[in-house]
Every structure is written in C-alpha cells, then in structure tokens.
Amino acid sequence: TMTWVRLRLPRMRRLVEFTCLLPLTLPAIVLVVGLAPVYAWVTYFLGESSALLFFAYTVLVLPYCYRALDAGLSSIDVRTLSEAARSLGGSWFTVMARVILPNIRTAVLSAAFLAVALVLGEFTIASLLNRDNLQVGINLLGKRDAQMSVAVSLAALVIAFVLLMGLSLAGGRRRRTSAAPAEPLHAFPPGTDPVTGTPTAPVAGPGTG
C-alpha cells in the first residue's frame, strides 16, 4: 500500500502518514474502550481466543512499522526502480517481490522486530479484554509462583535479545554486500583500444606517404 501511494497518489502521503501515526496519540486504555464493542461481536461470531488479539495488535504496531518501512522506501528511488522493472516486462508482483522488497529488506526486518517486541511486552490490552498473552501469563504465574515467573521473564528477555542480534546480523550482512567496492577499471596505454586493449593502427596523416 505504501508503495502504491508513493507511485499513484503521492499527494495522499501526508494523509496516510497521519492515519498510520494516529494510534500513537491514543493510550492503551482508550484503545481498549474503542475496541471493546468490536471484540464483543468478534467473540460472538468467532469465540474467545487469544489469537483474535491480532486485530488490536495490528493497530498497536502500525505506527512503528509504518515509520520503519517509510524510512526504507525513502532511501531508494521507488518510481525509477518500478518503471524500469515494468518496462522490462515484469508484473507488479515481480516488481514488489524481486525489486522493491530486496532493497528494503533491512526496513522490513526492523518493522518485524518492532512488532514482535511490542507484542511480547504488551499487557494492558490483553488484560482489559480478558485475553491471555505472555505478559498476562507471567503476571498470573507470579501470583502463584514467583520463582517460575522470574524464570519465564528471563526466557522472554533472552528471546528478545536473540531477535535483536539476528536483526543486527542480517542488516550488517546486507550493508557489507551493498558496500563492496567495484573492480577498478583497467588503464590501457596510449595507442590501444579502450575496450579490448588491443593495439590500434596509426591513422595516416596528410603528410605521410
């Protein structure tokens, strides 16, 4: 969607940015109050499942993922790359999967890490909507067994650390690949072809004969 807006509706970028960043101005308690009627209908049709927190968490992580992806798209020339790929016969799926996405891989990884980190540390929405997630489980476990609660908290911290290290390694490998120096051009001596390096025959002047 962000790529489509940049290519087709560049004047709508500010509106899309405002809409995506709007959840930052809403406290979690206000977000729960607004989503409670929606979840009442969702529970009625789909039942009570913690997997249904997906809708609330999408709104929660939207501003952070938008900023990460917007930074990645701003670092490349989306229009030129898209037009070049389309002119060579590529479909829009090919343009996104093989041209745009590889160039913003670090931004996608950053957005994914932010989403996972926010979801792992979220407590308010799940607790007020009477759903179970990691933090709610740790809180309930801490009321029964404090030592086990500390162990689970440390395990969650280790998982977040591993994710951060994986993101750093993936981004660093991408930067090293893109920053690899190109091979220097060979300098050929005068009187040789600049492409093949073979000697060229001298051009006869008006005074030669």
Protein backbone atom coordinates (compact mmCIF):
# COMPACT_ATOMS: atom_id res chain seq x y z
CA THR A 1 0.00 0.00 0.00
CA MET A 2 2.79 2.43 0.85
CA THR A 3 4.50 1.74 -2.47
CA TRP A 4 1.22 2.19 -4.35
CA VAL A 5 0.58 5.51 -2.61
CA ARG A 6 4.09 6.71 -3.50
CA LEU A 7 3.61 5.80 -7.15
CA ARG A 8 -0.04 6.60 -7.80
CA LEU A 9 -1.19 9.02 -5.11
CA PRO A 10 1.83 11.00 -3.89
CA ARG A 11 -0.44 13.79 -2.60
CA MET A 12 -2.10 11.33 -0.23
CA ARG A 13 1.14 10.52 1.58
CA ARG A 14 0.54 13.04 4.35
CA LEU A 15 -2.97 11.76 4.96
CA VAL A 16 -1.81 8.14 5.03
CA GLU A 17 1.04 9.06 7.37
CA PHE A 18 -1.34 10.90 9.71
CA THR A 19 -3.73 7.95 9.75
CA CYS A 20 -0.98 5.43 10.46
CA LEU A 21 0.58 7.52 13.23
CA LEU A 22 -2.75 8.32 14.88
CA PRO A 23 -2.62 5.32 17.30
CA LEU A 24 0.45 6.90 18.92
CA THR A 25 -1.79 9.60 20.39
CA LEU A 26 -4.18 7.06 21.92
CA PRO A 27 -3.37 5.49 25.31
CA ALA A 28 -3.85 1.75 25.52
CA ILE A 29 -6.87 2.16 27.82
CA VAL A 30 -8.60 4.39 25.26
CA LEU A 31 -7.80 1.89 22.53
CA VAL A 32 -9.39 -0.87 24.60
CA VAL A 33 -12.52 1.21 25.18
CA GLY A 34 -12.85 1.76 21.44
CA LEU A 35 -12.20 -1.89 20.56
CA ALA A 36 -14.41 -3.42 23.26
CA PRO A 37 -17.65 -3.23 21.19
CA VAL A 38 -15.81 -4.65 18.19
CA TYR A 39 -14.47 -7.54 20.23
CA ALA A 40 -17.93 -8.19 21.62
CA TRP A 41 -19.12 -9.00 18.08
CA VAL A 42 -15.89 -10.83 17.25
CA THR A 43 -16.32 -13.02 20.34
CA TYR A 44 -19.95 -13.67 19.44
CA PHE A 45 -19.10 -14.92 15.94
CA LEU A 46 -15.62 -16.40 16.38
CA GLY A 47 -15.47 -17.27 20.05
CA GLU A 48 -12.97 -16.29 22.74
CA SER A 49 -9.45 -16.83 21.51
CA SER A 50 -6.22 -15.03 22.26
CA ALA A 51 -5.36 -15.22 18.56
CA LEU A 52 -8.07 -12.61 17.98
CA LEU A 53 -5.80 -10.05 19.66
CA PHE A 54 -4.29 -9.83 16.18
CA PHE A 55 -6.70 -7.03 15.30
CA ALA A 56 -5.83 -4.90 18.32
CA TYR A 57 -2.11 -5.55 17.95
CA THR A 58 -2.24 -4.52 14.30
CA VAL A 59 -3.46 -1.09 15.38
CA LEU A 60 -0.87 -1.01 18.16
CA VAL A 61 2.19 -1.72 16.00
CA LEU A 62 1.01 0.17 12.90
CA PRO A 63 2.80 3.50 13.68
CA TYR A 64 6.13 1.84 14.43
CA CYS A 65 6.06 -0.46 11.40
CA TYR A 66 4.99 2.42 9.17
CA ARG A 67 7.94 4.54 10.28
CA ALA A 68 10.41 1.70 9.70
CA LEU A 69 9.06 0.90 6.23
CA ASP A 70 8.75 4.57 5.28
CA ALA A 71 12.43 5.10 6.11
CA GLY A 72 13.36 2.16 3.89
CA LEU A 73 11.25 3.36 0.97
CA SER A 74 12.63 6.89 1.30
CA SER A 75 16.18 5.59 0.92
CA ILE A 76 15.53 4.22 -2.60
CA ASP A 77 14.05 5.63 -5.79
CA VAL A 78 10.83 3.63 -5.86
CA ARG A 79 9.44 5.24 -9.02
CA THR A 80 12.59 4.70 -11.12
CA LEU A 81 13.01 1.09 -10.00
CA SER A 82 9.34 0.30 -10.61
CA GLU A 83 9.26 1.90 -14.04
CA ALA A 84 12.47 0.14 -15.06
CA ALA A 85 11.14 -3.25 -13.96
CA ARG A 86 7.78 -2.67 -15.66
CA SER A 87 9.47 -1.57 -18.88
CA LEU A 88 11.35 -4.88 -18.92
CA GLY A 89 8.07 -6.80 -18.76
CA GLY A 90 7.84 -7.51 -15.05
CA SER A 91 4.45 -7.78 -13.37
CA TRP A 92 3.59 -5.78 -10.28
CA PHE A 93 4.12 -8.89 -8.15
CA THR A 94 7.58 -9.30 -9.64
CA VAL A 95 8.34 -5.62 -9.06
CA MET A 96 7.40 -5.88 -5.39
CA ALA A 97 8.95 -9.30 -4.71
CA ARG A 98 12.19 -9.04 -6.69
CA VAL A 99 12.91 -5.31 -6.95
CA ILE A 100 11.38 -3.29 -4.10
CA LEU A 101 11.44 -5.85 -1.29
CA PRO A 102 15.15 -6.80 -1.56
CA ASN A 103 16.07 -3.11 -1.41
CA ILE A 104 14.11 -2.53 1.81
CA ARG A 105 14.92 -5.85 3.46
CA THR A 106 16.55 -4.17 6.46
CA ALA A 107 13.50 -1.93 6.94
CA VAL A 108 11.18 -4.96 6.79
CA LEU A 109 13.31 -6.76 9.37
CA SER A 110 13.24 -3.67 11.60
CA ALA A 111 9.45 -3.46 11.33
CA ALA A 112 9.12 -7.16 12.12
CA PHE A 113 11.36 -6.88 15.17
CA LEU A 114 9.46 -3.85 16.47
CA ALA A 115 6.17 -5.69 16.03
CA VAL A 116 7.41 -8.78 17.86
CA ALA A 117 8.97 -6.72 20.67
CA LEU A 118 5.77 -4.71 21.21
CA VAL A 119 3.57 -7.80 21.20
CA LEU A 120 5.85 -9.67 23.61
CA GLY A 121 5.77 -6.76 26.06
CA GLU A 122 2.09 -5.83 25.77
CA PHE A 123 -0.05 -6.29 28.89
CA THR A 124 -2.81 -3.65 29.09
CA ILE A 125 -4.90 -4.57 26.04
CA ALA A 126 -4.84 -8.31 26.68
CA SER A 127 -5.62 -7.88 30.36
CA LEU A 128 -8.54 -5.48 29.89
CA LEU A 129 -10.01 -7.58 27.07
CA ASN A 130 -9.73 -10.71 29.25
CA ARG A 131 -7.33 -12.46 26.89
CA ASP A 132 -4.15 -14.37 27.65
CA ASN A 133 -0.74 -13.46 26.28
CA LEU A 134 2.85 -13.73 27.54
CA GLN A 135 2.74 -10.82 29.97
CA VAL A 136 -0.67 -11.76 31.36
CA GLY A 137 0.56 -15.31 31.86
CA ILE A 138 3.69 -14.07 33.65
CA ASN A 139 1.55 -11.86 35.88
CA LEU A 140 -0.77 -14.72 36.80
CA LEU A 141 2.17 -17.05 37.30
CA GLY A 142 3.86 -14.53 39.58
CA LYS A 143 0.87 -14.61 41.91
CA ARG A 144 1.25 -18.37 42.32
CA ASP A 145 5.00 -19.00 41.95
CA ALA A 146 7.36 -16.02 42.00
CA GLN A 147 10.47 -18.04 41.07
CA MET A 148 8.84 -19.55 37.99
CA SER A 149 7.63 -16.08 36.98
CA VAL A 150 11.21 -14.77 37.13
CA ALA A 151 12.44 -17.71 35.03
CA VAL A 152 9.79 -17.12 32.35
CA SER A 153 10.61 -13.39 32.32
CA LEU A 154 14.30 -14.15 31.77
CA ALA A 155 13.41 -16.55 28.97
CA ALA A 156 11.35 -13.84 27.28
CA LEU A 157 14.27 -11.43 27.65
CA VAL A 158 16.63 -13.94 26.03
CA ILE A 159 14.23 -14.42 23.12
CA ALA A 160 14.04 -10.65 22.56
CA PHE A 161 17.85 -10.44 22.71
CA VAL A 162 18.23 -13.22 20.12
CA LEU A 163 15.79 -11.44 17.82
CA LEU A 164 17.75 -8.21 18.16
CA MET A 165 21.04 -9.95 17.40
CA GLY A 166 19.52 -11.69 14.38
CA LEU A 167 18.25 -8.37 13.05
CA SER A 168 21.65 -6.73 13.59
CA LEU A 169 23.50 -9.55 11.82
CA ALA A 170 21.08 -9.55 8.88
CA GLY A 171 21.30 -5.78 8.49
CA GLY A 172 25.08 -5.78 8.79
CA ARG A 173 25.45 -8.51 6.14
CA ARG A 174 23.21 -6.52 3.81
CA ARG A 175 25.27 -3.35 4.30
CA ARG A 176 28.55 -5.19 3.69
CA THR A 177 27.20 -6.69 0.48
CA SER A 178 25.96 -3.35 -0.85
CA ALA A 179 29.16 -1.54 0.16
CA ALA A 180 31.54 -3.97 -1.56
CA PRO A 181 33.91 -1.96 -3.80
CA ALA A 182 33.66 -2.47 -7.53
CA GLU A 183 36.60 -3.70 -9.53
CA PRO A 184 38.82 -0.85 -10.73
CA LEU A 185 38.85 -0.04 -14.42
CA HIS A 186 41.95 -1.16 -16.30
CA ALA A 187 44.04 1.66 -17.70
CA PHE A 188 45.38 0.82 -21.14
CA PRO A 189 48.43 2.60 -22.58
CA PRO A 190 48.05 5.11 -25.42
CA GLY A 191 47.56 3.61 -28.87
CA THR A 192 45.34 0.76 -27.67
CA ASP A 193 41.63 0.20 -27.93
CA PRO A 194 39.98 1.41 -24.66
CA VAL A 195 37.58 -1.55 -24.64
CA THR A 196 39.64 -4.56 -25.74
CA GLY A 197 43.16 -3.27 -25.06
CA THR A 198 44.45 -4.35 -28.48
CA PRO A 199 46.89 -2.04 -30.34
CA THR A 200 45.31 0.24 -32.89
CA ALA A 201 46.84 1.06 -36.28
CA PRO A 202 48.12 4.63 -36.58
CA VAL A 203 46.00 6.93 -38.70
CA ALA A 204 47.85 8.20 -41.77
CA GLY A 205 48.10 11.97 -41.82
CA PRO A 206 48.20 14.27 -44.84
CA GLY A 207 52.00 14.50 -44.73
CA THR A 208 52.67 10.74 -44.70
CA GLY A 209 53.21 8.80 -47.84
